[in-house]
Amino acid sequence: MIDFSIKDSVLFFYDDLYSMAKRRRKLSPELEKNISLAKKQIELITAIIHDIDEDDIQEEYKSAFLPVMSAYMSLDQMYKEVGFNEDTTNLHELYLTNLDKFKNEYEL
């Protein structure tokens, strides 16, 4: 036999839990466009690096590209979790700086 008073209190708890409003994240269509463009650039450069025949050169390029990839992944994840803020803007700038540095130092 089910004790309905316990069942009702548990349901009441879940109703309260799910009725709490989550804080909405601030969105930026411009940053979303830039993140999408960054994803395409990452995919293209990664494909070019994987096409390098010499293993030692390929590994060097992969290592050099890691800061670019890391900045992009952090930016994408943070934007999905918290939305547009100063930190996501700074991560986008870091991504662009790392990408420019990579392109200037390594020929694709």
PDB file of N, CA and C in Angstrom:
ATOM      1  N   MET A   1       0.828  -1.179   0.000  1.00  0.00           N
ATOM      2  CA  MET A   1       0.000   0.000   0.000  1.00  0.00           C
ATOM      3  C   MET A   1       0.876   1.247   0.000  1.00  0.00           C
ATOM      4  N   ILE A   2       0.526   2.215  -0.809  1.00  0.00           N
ATOM      5  CA  ILE A   2       1.293   3.450  -0.959  1.00  0.00           C
ATOM      6  C   ILE A   2       0.785   4.496   0.020  1.00  0.00           C
ATOM      7  N   ASP A   3       1.716   5.135   0.683  1.00  0.00           N
ATOM      8  CA  ASP A   3       1.367   6.236   1.578  1.00  0.00           C
ATOM      9  C   ASP A   3       1.307   7.503   0.724  1.00  0.00           C
ATOM     10  N   PHE A   4       0.120   7.971   0.428  1.00  0.00           N
ATOM     11  CA  PHE A   4      -0.066   9.093  -0.478  1.00  0.00           C
ATOM     12  C   PHE A   4       0.501  10.402   0.064  1.00  0.00           C
ATOM     13  N   SER A   5       0.600  10.560   1.360  1.00  0.00           N
ATOM     14  CA  SER A   5       1.148  11.801   1.905  1.00  0.00           C
ATOM     15  C   SER A   5       2.631  11.947   1.535  1.00  0.00           C
ATOM     16  N   ILE A   6       3.377  10.842   1.551  1.00  0.00           N
ATOM     17  CA  ILE A   6       4.788  10.891   1.144  1.00  0.00           C
ATOM     18  C   ILE A   6       4.881  11.126  -0.357  1.00  0.00           C
ATOM     19  N   LYS A   7       4.065  10.413  -1.103  1.00  0.00           N
ATOM     20  CA  LYS A   7       4.077  10.563  -2.565  1.00  0.00           C
ATOM     21  C   LYS A   7       3.738  11.995  -2.952  1.00  0.00           C
ATOM     22  N   ASP A   8       2.726  12.570  -2.327  1.00  0.00           N
ATOM     23  CA  ASP A   8       2.329  13.938  -2.642  1.00  0.00           C
ATOM     24  C   ASP A   8       3.422  14.935  -2.287  1.00  0.00           C
ATOM     25  N   SER A   9       4.103  14.737  -1.180  1.00  0.00           N
ATOM     26  CA  SER A   9       5.164  15.667  -0.792  1.00  0.00           C
ATOM     27  C   SER A   9       6.346  15.586  -1.757  1.00  0.00           C
ATOM     28  N   VAL A  10       6.637  14.385  -2.247  1.00  0.00           N
ATOM     29  CA  VAL A  10       7.713  14.233  -3.226  1.00  0.00           C
ATOM     30  C   VAL A  10       7.326  14.921  -4.529  1.00  0.00           C
ATOM     31  N   LEU A  11       6.107  14.734  -4.980  1.00  0.00           N
ATOM     32  CA  LEU A  11       5.648  15.407  -6.191  1.00  0.00           C
ATOM     33  C   LEU A  11       5.675  16.918  -6.008  1.00  0.00           C
ATOM     34  N   PHE A  12       5.284  17.386  -4.831  1.00  0.00           N
ATOM     35  CA  PHE A  12       5.314  18.807  -4.556  1.00  0.00           C
ATOM     36  C   PHE A  12       6.746  19.338  -4.637  1.00  0.00           C
ATOM     37  N   PHE A  13       7.707  18.551  -4.109  1.00  0.00           N
ATOM     38  CA  PHE A  13       9.111  18.937  -4.166  1.00  0.00           C
ATOM     39  C   PHE A  13       9.575  19.066  -5.616  1.00  0.00           C
ATOM     40  N   TYR A  14       9.242  18.088  -6.458  1.00  0.00           N
ATOM     41  CA  TYR A  14       9.644  18.140  -7.858  1.00  0.00           C
ATOM     42  C   TYR A  14       8.982  19.302  -8.586  1.00  0.00           C
ATOM     43  N   ASP A  15       7.729  19.590  -8.270  1.00  0.00           N
ATOM     44  CA  ASP A  15       7.073  20.739  -8.886  1.00  0.00           C
ATOM     45  C   ASP A  15       7.815  22.023  -8.546  1.00  0.00           C
ATOM     46  N   ASP A  16       8.217  22.175  -7.283  1.00  0.00           N
ATOM     47  CA  ASP A  16       8.972  23.360  -6.881  1.00  0.00           C
ATOM     48  C   ASP A  16      10.320  23.415  -7.588  1.00  0.00           C
ATOM     49  N   LEU A  17      10.964  22.270  -7.673  1.00  0.00           N
ATOM     50  CA  LEU A  17      12.280  22.211  -8.292  1.00  0.00           C
ATOM     51  C   LEU A  17      12.220  22.648  -9.754  1.00  0.00           C
ATOM     52  N   TYR A  18      11.254  22.141 -10.486  1.00  0.00           N
ATOM     53  CA  TYR A  18      11.168  22.448 -11.910  1.00  0.00           C
ATOM     54  C   TYR A  18      10.505  23.786 -12.198  1.00  0.00           C
ATOM     55  N   SER A  19       9.807  24.344 -11.237  1.00  0.00           N
ATOM     56  CA  SER A  19       9.158  25.625 -11.480  1.00  0.00           C
ATOM     57  C   SER A  19      10.105  26.796 -11.263  1.00  0.00           C
ATOM     58  N   MET A  20      11.263  26.541 -10.638  1.00  0.00           N
ATOM     59  CA  MET A  20      12.232  27.616 -10.468  1.00  0.00           C
ATOM     60  C   MET A  20      12.742  28.035 -11.841  1.00  0.00           C
ATOM     61  N   ALA A  21      12.690  29.311 -12.082  1.00  0.00           N
ATOM     62  CA  ALA A  21      13.106  29.814 -13.386  1.00  0.00           C
ATOM     63  C   ALA A  21      14.628  29.798 -13.487  1.00  0.00           C
ATOM     64  N   LYS A  22      15.115  29.273 -14.602  1.00  0.00           N
ATOM     65  CA  LYS A  22      16.544  29.317 -14.851  1.00  0.00           C
ATOM     66  C   LYS A  22      16.880  30.705 -15.375  1.00  0.00           C
ATOM     67  N   ARG A  23      18.060  31.162 -15.022  1.00  0.00           N
ATOM     68  CA  ARG A  23      18.500  32.452 -15.513  1.00  0.00           C
ATOM     69  C   ARG A  23      18.756  32.339 -17.007  1.00  0.00           C
ATOM     70  N   ARG A  24      18.165  33.235 -17.754  1.00  0.00           N
ATOM     71  CA  ARG A  24      18.328  33.193 -19.211  1.00  0.00           C
ATOM     72  C   ARG A  24      19.691  33.733 -19.596  1.00  0.00           C
ATOM     73  N   ARG A  25      20.292  33.101 -20.573  1.00  0.00           N
ATOM     74  CA  ARG A  25      21.594  33.577 -21.028  1.00  0.00           C
ATOM     75  C   ARG A  25      21.400  34.623 -22.118  1.00  0.00           C
ATOM     76  N   LYS A  26      22.269  35.589 -22.118  1.00  0.00           N
ATOM     77  CA  LYS A  26      22.214  36.665 -23.108  1.00  0.00           C
ATOM     78  C   LYS A  26      22.826  36.148 -24.415  1.00  0.00           C
ATOM     79  N   LEU A  27      22.154  36.378 -25.513  1.00  0.00           N
ATOM     80  CA  LEU A  27      22.602  35.885 -26.807  1.00  0.00           C
ATOM     81  C   LEU A  27      23.150  37.016 -27.667  1.00  0.00           C
ATOM     82  N   SER A  28      23.978  36.662 -28.619  1.00  0.00           N
ATOM     83  CA  SER A  28      24.538  37.628 -29.561  1.00  0.00           C
ATOM     84  C   SER A  28      24.583  36.973 -30.945  1.00  0.00           C
ATOM     85  N   PRO A  29      23.707  37.413 -31.851  1.00  0.00           N
ATOM     86  CA  PRO A  29      23.731  36.843 -33.205  1.00  0.00           C
ATOM     87  C   PRO A  29      25.090  37.008 -33.894  1.00  0.00           C
ATOM     88  N   GLU A  30      25.759  38.128 -33.634  1.00  0.00           N
ATOM     89  CA  GLU A  30      27.064  38.357 -34.250  1.00  0.00           C
ATOM     90  C   GLU A  30      28.098  37.356 -33.734  1.00  0.00           C
ATOM     91  N   LEU A  31      28.118  37.134 -32.418  1.00  0.00           N
ATOM     92  CA  LEU A  31      29.069  36.161 -31.863  1.00  0.00           C
ATOM     93  C   LEU A  31      28.720  34.748 -32.313  1.00  0.00           C
ATOM     94  N   GLU A  32      27.441  34.428 -32.412  1.00  0.00           N
ATOM     95  CA  GLU A  32      27.034  33.106 -32.912  1.00  0.00           C
ATOM     96  C   GLU A  32      27.544  32.889 -34.335  1.00  0.00           C
ATOM     97  N   LYS A  33      27.456  33.925 -35.148  1.00  0.00           N
ATOM     98  CA  LYS A  33      27.958  33.849 -36.524  1.00  0.00           C
ATOM     99  C   LYS A  33      29.472  33.642 -36.516  1.00  0.00           C
ATOM    100  N   ASN A  34      30.172  34.364 -35.633  1.00  0.00           N
ATOM    101  CA  ASN A  34      31.628  34.225 -35.538  1.00  0.00           C
ATOM    102  C   ASN A  34      32.039  32.844 -35.035  1.00  0.00           C
ATOM    103  N   ILE A  35      31.274  32.281 -34.112  1.00  0.00           N
ATOM    104  CA  ILE A  35      31.565  30.937 -33.610  1.00  0.00           C
ATOM    105  C   ILE A  35      31.350  29.906 -34.720  1.00  0.00           C
ATOM    106  N   SER A  36      30.305  30.087 -35.494  1.00  0.00           N
ATOM    107  CA  SER A  36      30.040  29.183 -36.615  1.00  0.00           C
ATOM    108  C   SER A  36      31.156  29.266 -37.653  1.00  0.00           C
ATOM    109  N   LEU A  37      31.612  30.470 -37.931  1.00  0.00           N
ATOM    110  CA  LEU A  37      32.720  30.659 -38.863  1.00  0.00           C
ATOM    111  C   LEU A  37      33.996  30.031 -38.313  1.00  0.00           C
ATOM    112  N   ALA A  38      34.230  30.197 -37.011  1.00  0.00           N
ATOM    113  CA  ALA A  38      35.410  29.608 -36.371  1.00  0.00           C
ATOM    114  C   ALA A  38      35.374  28.089 -36.489  1.00  0.00           C
ATOM    115  N   LYS A  39      34.189  27.498 -36.294  1.00  0.00           N
ATOM    116  CA  LYS A  39      34.059  26.041 -36.412  1.00  0.00           C
ATOM    117  C   LYS A  39      34.450  25.579 -37.814  1.00  0.00           C
ATOM    118  N   LYS A  40      34.015  26.299 -38.827  1.00  0.00           N
ATOM    119  CA  LYS A  40      34.358  25.933 -40.206  1.00  0.00           C
ATOM    120  C   LYS A  40      35.856  26.066 -40.449  1.00  0.00           C
ATOM    121  N   GLN A  41      36.466  27.131 -39.889  1.00  0.00           N
ATOM    122  CA  GLN A  41      37.905  27.315 -40.050  1.00  0.00           C
ATOM    123  C   GLN A  41      38.680  26.193 -39.359  1.00  0.00           C
ATOM    124  N   ILE A  42      38.237  25.825 -38.169  1.00  0.00           N
ATOM    125  CA  ILE A  42      38.879  24.734 -37.422  1.00  0.00           C
ATOM    126  C   ILE A  42      38.802  23.441 -38.224  1.00  0.00           C
ATOM    127  N   GLU A  43      37.623  23.141 -38.767  1.00  0.00           N
ATOM    128  CA  GLU A  43      37.449  21.916 -39.554  1.00  0.00           C
ATOM    129  C   GLU A  43      38.335  21.909 -40.784  1.00  0.00           C
ATOM    130  N   LEU A  44      38.421  23.043 -41.473  1.00  0.00           N
ATOM    131  CA  LEU A  44      39.229  23.134 -42.687  1.00  0.00           C
ATOM    132  C   LEU A  44      40.716  22.965 -42.367  1.00  0.00           C
ATOM    133  N   ILE A  45      41.195  23.690 -41.371  1.00  0.00           N
ATOM    134  CA  ILE A  45      42.619  23.613 -41.028  1.00  0.00           C
ATOM    135  C   ILE A  45      42.970  22.226 -40.501  1.00  0.00           C
ATOM    136  N   THR A  46      42.088  21.639 -39.712  1.00  0.00           N
ATOM    137  CA  THR A  46      42.326  20.283 -39.208  1.00  0.00           C
ATOM    138  C   THR A  46      42.433  19.290 -40.367  1.00  0.00           C
ATOM    139  N   ALA A  47      41.565  19.430 -41.360  1.00  0.00           N
ATOM    140  CA  ALA A  47      41.616  18.547 -42.534  1.00  0.00           C
ATOM    141  C   ALA A  47      42.926  18.739 -43.299  1.00  0.00           C
ATOM    142  N   ILE A  48      43.353  19.985 -43.439  1.00  0.00           N
ATOM    143  CA  ILE A  48      44.617  20.264 -44.141  1.00  0.00           C
ATOM    144  C   ILE A  48      45.785  19.637 -43.383  1.00  0.00           C
ATOM    145  N   ILE A  49      45.773  19.776 -42.062  1.00  0.00           N
ATOM    146  CA  ILE A  49      46.849  19.190 -41.256  1.00  0.00           C
ATOM    147  C   ILE A  49      46.866  17.667 -41.390  1.00  0.00           C
ATOM    148  N   HIS A  50      45.693  17.051 -41.387  1.00  0.00           N
ATOM    149  CA  HIS A  50      45.628  15.588 -41.515  1.00  0.00           C
ATOM    150  C   HIS A  50      46.073  15.104 -42.898  1.00  0.00           C
ATOM    151  N   ASP A  51      46.065  15.998 -43.887  1.00  0.00           N
ATOM    152  CA  ASP A  51      46.516  15.629 -45.234  1.00  0.00           C
ATOM    153  C   ASP A  51      48.032  15.692 -45.388  1.00  0.00           C
ATOM    154  N   ILE A  52      48.741  16.204 -44.394  1.00  0.00           N
ATOM    155  CA  ILE A  52      50.200  16.269 -44.468  1.00  0.00           C
ATOM    156  C   ILE A  52      50.754  14.845 -44.368  1.00  0.00           C
ATOM    157  N   ASP A  53      51.581  14.473 -45.343  1.00  0.00           N
ATOM    158  CA  ASP A  53      52.083  13.107 -45.424  1.00  0.00           C
ATOM    159  C   ASP A  53      53.160  12.781 -44.388  1.00  0.00           C
ATOM    160  N   GLU A  54      54.046  13.706 -44.122  1.00  0.00           N
ATOM    161  CA  GLU A  54      55.154  13.444 -43.210  1.00  0.00           C
ATOM    162  C   GLU A  54      54.665  13.549 -41.767  1.00  0.00           C
ATOM    163  N   ASP A  55      54.821  12.444 -41.047  1.00  0.00           N
ATOM    164  CA  ASP A  55      54.293  12.361 -39.680  1.00  0.00           C
ATOM    165  C   ASP A  55      54.874  13.409 -38.733  1.00  0.00           C
ATOM    166  N   ASP A  56      56.183  13.623 -38.824  1.00  0.00           N
ATOM    167  CA  ASP A  56      56.806  14.575 -37.892  1.00  0.00           C
ATOM    168  C   ASP A  56      56.321  16.007 -38.151  1.00  0.00           C
ATOM    169  N   ILE A  57      56.132  16.366 -39.395  1.00  0.00           N
ATOM    170  CA  ILE A  57      55.621  17.703 -39.731  1.00  0.00           C
ATOM    171  C   ILE A  57      54.155  17.811 -39.317  1.00  0.00           C
ATOM    172  N   GLN A  58      53.402  16.747 -39.563  1.00  0.00           N
ATOM    173  CA  GLN A  58      51.993  16.740 -39.166  1.00  0.00           C
ATOM    174  C   GLN A  58      51.850  16.932 -37.658  1.00  0.00           C
ATOM    175  N   GLU A  59      52.678  16.247 -36.878  1.00  0.00           N
ATOM    176  CA  GLU A  59      52.631  16.380 -35.417  1.00  0.00           C
ATOM    177  C   GLU A  59      53.018  17.784 -34.972  1.00  0.00           C
ATOM    178  N   GLU A  60      53.986  18.379 -35.645  1.00  0.00           N
ATOM    179  CA  GLU A  60      54.390  19.752 -35.331  1.00  0.00           C
ATOM    180  C   GLU A  60      53.225  20.717 -35.576  1.00  0.00           C
ATOM    181  N   TYR A  61      52.538  20.553 -36.694  1.00  0.00           N
ATOM    182  CA  TYR A  61      51.391  21.399 -37.015  1.00  0.00           C
ATOM    183  C   TYR A  61      50.256  21.188 -36.008  1.00  0.00           C
ATOM    184  N   LYS A  62      50.017  19.929 -35.644  1.00  0.00           N
ATOM    185  CA  LYS A  62      48.967  19.640 -34.653  1.00  0.00           C
ATOM    186  C   LYS A  62      49.263  20.324 -33.325  1.00  0.00           C
ATOM    187  N   SER A  63      50.507  20.234 -32.885  1.00  0.00           N
ATOM    188  CA  SER A  63      50.900  20.869 -31.625  1.00  0.00           C
ATOM    189  C   SER A  63      50.759  22.378 -31.695  1.00  0.00           C
ATOM    190  N   ALA A  64      51.153  22.952 -32.810  1.00  0.00           N
ATOM    191  CA  ALA A  64      51.067  24.402 -32.968  1.00  0.00           C
ATOM    192  C   ALA A  64      49.610  24.873 -33.071  1.00  0.00           C
ATOM    193  N   PHE A  65      48.745  24.012 -33.582  1.00  0.00           N
ATOM    194  CA  PHE A  65      47.333  24.377 -33.766  1.00  0.00           C
ATOM    195  C   PHE A  65      46.517  24.177 -32.490  1.00  0.00           C
ATOM    196  N   LEU A  66      47.068  23.469 -31.522  1.00  0.00           N
ATOM    197  CA  LEU A  66      46.358  23.177 -30.282  1.00  0.00           C
ATOM    198  C   LEU A  66      45.830  24.420 -29.549  1.00  0.00           C
ATOM    199  N   PRO A  67      46.597  25.507 -29.404  1.00  0.00           N
ATOM    200  CA  PRO A  67      46.045  26.701 -28.742  1.00  0.00           C
ATOM    201  C   PRO A  67      44.833  27.293 -29.472  1.00  0.00           C
ATOM    202  N   VAL A  68      44.833  27.206 -30.791  1.00  0.00           N
ATOM    203  CA  VAL A  68      43.699  27.698 -31.577  1.00  0.00           C
ATOM    204  C   VAL A  68      42.481  26.835 -31.288  1.00  0.00           C
ATOM    205  N   MET A  69      42.675  25.531 -31.336  1.00  0.00           N
ATOM    206  CA  MET A  69      41.593  24.582 -31.098  1.00  0.00           C
ATOM    207  C   MET A  69      41.052  24.734 -29.676  1.00  0.00           C
ATOM    208  N   SER A  70      41.942  24.874 -28.725  1.00  0.00           N
ATOM    209  CA  SER A  70      41.548  25.011 -27.326  1.00  0.00           C
ATOM    210  C   SER A  70      40.721  26.279 -27.095  1.00  0.00           C
ATOM    211  N   ALA A  71      41.157  27.380 -27.668  1.00  0.00           N
ATOM    212  CA  ALA A  71      40.415  28.647 -27.529  1.00  0.00           C
ATOM    213  C   ALA A  71      39.027  28.521 -28.149  1.00  0.00           C
ATOM    214  N   TYR A  72      38.942  27.886 -29.314  1.00  0.00           N
ATOM    215  CA  TYR A  72      37.632  27.693 -29.955  1.00  0.00           C
ATOM    216  C   TYR A  72      36.713  26.826 -29.099  1.00  0.00           C
ATOM    217  N   MET A  73      37.231  25.713 -28.611  1.00  0.00           N
ATOM    218  CA  MET A  73      36.394  24.799 -27.826  1.00  0.00           C
ATOM    219  C   MET A  73      35.909  25.469 -26.535  1.00  0.00           C
ATOM    220  N   SER A  74      36.778  26.230 -25.902  1.00  0.00           N
ATOM    221  CA  SER A  74      36.384  26.959 -24.691  1.00  0.00           C
ATOM    222  C   SER A  74      35.318  27.992 -25.003  1.00  0.00           C
ATOM    223  N   LEU A  75      35.507  28.704 -26.098  1.00  0.00           N
ATOM    224  CA  LEU A  75      34.532  29.718 -26.519  1.00  0.00           C
ATOM    225  C   LEU A  75      33.177  29.085 -26.801  1.00  0.00           C
ATOM    226  N   ASP A  76      33.168  28.032 -27.568  1.00  0.00           N
ATOM    227  CA  ASP A  76      31.916  27.365 -27.931  1.00  0.00           C
ATOM    228  C   ASP A  76      31.180  26.864 -26.688  1.00  0.00           C
ATOM    229  N   GLN A  77      31.909  26.207 -25.799  1.00  0.00           N
ATOM    230  CA  GLN A  77      31.304  25.661 -24.585  1.00  0.00           C
ATOM    231  C   GLN A  77      30.785  26.768 -23.672  1.00  0.00           C
ATOM    232  N   MET A  78      31.580  27.805 -23.471  1.00  0.00           N
ATOM    233  CA  MET A  78      31.165  28.888 -22.581  1.00  0.00           C
ATOM    234  C   MET A  78      29.944  29.616 -23.139  1.00  0.00           C
ATOM    235  N   TYR A  79      29.925  29.841 -24.450  1.00  0.00           N
ATOM    236  CA  TYR A  79      28.778  30.533 -25.042  1.00  0.00           C
ATOM    237  C   TYR A  79      27.509  29.698 -24.866  1.00  0.00           C
ATOM    238  N   LYS A  80      27.620  28.384 -25.035  1.00  0.00           N
ATOM    239  CA  LYS A  80      26.457  27.516 -24.855  1.00  0.00           C
ATOM    240  C   LYS A  80      25.968  27.519 -23.411  1.00  0.00           C
ATOM    241  N   GLU A  81      26.897  27.607 -22.468  1.00  0.00           N
ATOM    242  CA  GLU A  81      26.525  27.546 -21.055  1.00  0.00           C
ATOM    243  C   GLU A  81      26.061  28.880 -20.481  1.00  0.00           C
ATOM    244  N   VAL A  82      26.784  29.966 -20.779  1.00  0.00           N
ATOM    245  CA  VAL A  82      26.470  31.246 -20.138  1.00  0.00           C
ATOM    246  C   VAL A  82      26.017  32.327 -21.099  1.00  0.00           C
ATOM    247  N   GLY A  83      26.231  32.131 -22.383  1.00  0.00           N
ATOM    248  CA  GLY A  83      25.799  33.129 -23.352  1.00  0.00           C
ATOM    249  C   GLY A  83      26.844  34.207 -23.560  1.00  0.00           C
ATOM    250  N   PHE A  84      26.385  35.333 -24.028  1.00  0.00           N
ATOM    251  CA  PHE A  84      27.255  36.449 -24.389  1.00  0.00           C
ATOM    252  C   PHE A  84      27.625  37.242 -23.140  1.00  0.00           C
ATOM    253  N   ASN A  85      28.922  37.398 -22.913  1.00  0.00           N
ATOM    254  CA  ASN A  85      29.403  38.249 -21.830  1.00  0.00           C
ATOM    255  C   ASN A  85      30.845  38.653 -22.148  1.00  0.00           C
ATOM    256  N   GLU A  86      31.484  39.321 -21.228  1.00  0.00           N
ATOM    257  CA  GLU A  86      32.854  39.788 -21.451  1.00  0.00           C
ATOM    258  C   GLU A  86      33.818  38.627 -21.648  1.00  0.00           C
ATOM    259  N   ASP A  87      33.606  37.538 -20.904  1.00  0.00           N
ATOM    260  CA  ASP A  87      34.492  36.376 -21.022  1.00  0.00           C
ATOM    261  C   ASP A  87      34.410  35.727 -22.396  1.00  0.00           C
ATOM    262  N   THR A  88      33.201  35.608 -22.946  1.00  0.00           N
ATOM    263  CA  THR A  88      33.081  35.004 -24.274  1.00  0.00           C
ATOM    264  C   THR A  88      33.681  35.925 -25.333  1.00  0.00           C
ATOM    265  N   THR A  89      33.525  37.225 -25.133  1.00  0.00           N
ATOM    266  CA  THR A  89      34.139  38.183 -26.058  1.00  0.00           C
ATOM    267  C   THR A  89      35.663  38.059 -26.002  1.00  0.00           C
ATOM    268  N   ASN A  90      36.208  37.941 -24.793  1.00  0.00           N
ATOM    269  CA  ASN A  90      37.661  37.783 -24.640  1.00  0.00           C
ATOM    270  C   ASN A  90      38.157  36.469 -25.234  1.00  0.00           C
ATOM    271  N   LEU A  91      37.381  35.404 -25.066  1.00  0.00           N
ATOM    272  CA  LEU A  91      37.764  34.121 -25.663  1.00  0.00           C
ATOM    273  C   LEU A  91      37.764  34.190 -27.184  1.00  0.00           C
ATOM    274  N   HIS A  92      36.813  34.918 -27.745  1.00  0.00           N
ATOM    275  CA  HIS A  92      36.784  35.076 -29.205  1.00  0.00           C
ATOM    276  C   HIS A  92      38.027  35.832 -29.669  1.00  0.00           C
ATOM    277  N   GLU A  93      38.400  36.872 -28.946  1.00  0.00           N
ATOM    278  CA  GLU A  93      39.612  37.621 -29.285  1.00  0.00           C
ATOM    279  C   GLU A  93      40.855  36.730 -29.162  1.00  0.00           C
ATOM    280  N   LEU A  94      40.906  35.904 -28.124  1.00  0.00           N
ATOM    281  CA  LEU A  94      42.018  34.971 -27.946  1.00  0.00           C
ATOM    282  C   LEU A  94      42.079  33.988 -29.108  1.00  0.00           C
ATOM    283  N   TYR A  95      40.921  33.479 -29.520  1.00  0.00           N
ATOM    284  CA  TYR A  95      40.863  32.563 -30.665  1.00  0.00           C
ATOM    285  C   TYR A  95      41.451  33.243 -31.908  1.00  0.00           C
ATOM    286  N   LEU A  96      41.009  34.472 -32.173  1.00  0.00           N
ATOM    287  CA  LEU A  96      41.493  35.193 -33.364  1.00  0.00           C
ATOM    288  C   LEU A  96      42.994  35.451 -33.290  1.00  0.00           C
ATOM    289  N   THR A  97      43.483  35.811 -32.114  1.00  0.00           N
ATOM    290  CA  THR A  97      44.916  36.056 -31.931  1.00  0.00           C
ATOM    291  C   THR A  97      45.713  34.775 -32.168  1.00  0.00           C
ATOM    292  N   ASN A  98      45.251  33.672 -31.583  1.00  0.00           N
ATOM    293  CA  ASN A  98      45.942  32.393 -31.768  1.00  0.00           C
ATOM    294  C   ASN A  98      45.900  31.929 -33.216  1.00  0.00           C
ATOM    295  N   LEU A  99      44.766  32.139 -33.876  1.00  0.00           N
ATOM    296  CA  LEU A  99      44.639  31.747 -35.280  1.00  0.00           C
ATOM    297  C   LEU A  99      45.591  32.556 -36.149  1.00  0.00           C
ATOM    298  N   ASP A 100      45.658  33.874 -35.934  1.00  0.00           N
ATOM    299  CA  ASP A 100      46.572  34.721 -36.710  1.00  0.00           C
ATOM    300  C   ASP A 100      48.028  34.310 -36.480  1.00  0.00           C
ATOM    301  N   LYS A 101      48.363  34.031 -35.228  1.00  0.00           N
ATOM    302  CA  LYS A 101      49.726  33.604 -34.909  1.00  0.00           C
ATOM    303  C   LYS A 101      50.056  32.300 -35.630  1.00  0.00           C
ATOM    304  N   PHE A 102      49.136  31.350 -35.599  1.00  0.00           N
ATOM    305  CA  PHE A 102      49.349  30.065 -36.271  1.00  0.00           C
ATOM    306  C   PHE A 102      49.536  30.284 -37.784  1.00  0.00           C
ATOM    307  N   LYS A 103      48.659  31.070 -38.383  1.00  0.00           N
ATOM    308  CA  LYS A 103      48.729  31.287 -39.835  1.00  0.00           C
ATOM    309  C   LYS A 103      50.008  32.001 -40.237  1.00  0.00           C
ATOM    310  N   ASN A 104      50.500  32.898 -39.377  1.00  0.00           N
ATOM    311  CA  ASN A 104      51.732  33.617 -39.690  1.00  0.00           C
ATOM    312  C   ASN A 104      52.983  32.754 -39.541  1.00  0.00           C
ATOM    313  N   GLU A 105      52.924  31.773 -38.646  1.00  0.00           N
ATOM    314  CA  GLU A 105      54.089  30.937 -38.386  1.00  0.00           C
ATOM    315  C   GLU A 105      54.129  29.657 -39.202  1.00  0.00           C
ATOM    316  N   TYR A 106      52.974  29.197 -39.666  1.00  0.00           N
ATOM    317  CA  TYR A 106      52.892  27.928 -40.385  1.00  0.00           C
ATOM    318  C   TYR A 106      52.180  28.113 -41.717  1.00  0.00           C
ATOM    319  N   GLU A 107      52.804  27.555 -42.735  1.00  0.00           N
ATOM    320  CA  GLU A 107      52.244  27.645 -44.076  1.00  0.00           C
ATOM    321  C   GLU A 107      51.285  26.483 -44.310  1.00  0.00           C
ATOM    322  N   LEU A 108      50.089  26.796 -44.781  1.00  0.00           N
ATOM    323  CA  LEU A 108      49.106  25.736 -45.041  1.00  0.00           C
ATOM    324  C   LEU A 108      48.980  25.463 -46.509  1.00  0.00           C
TER     325      LEU A 108
END
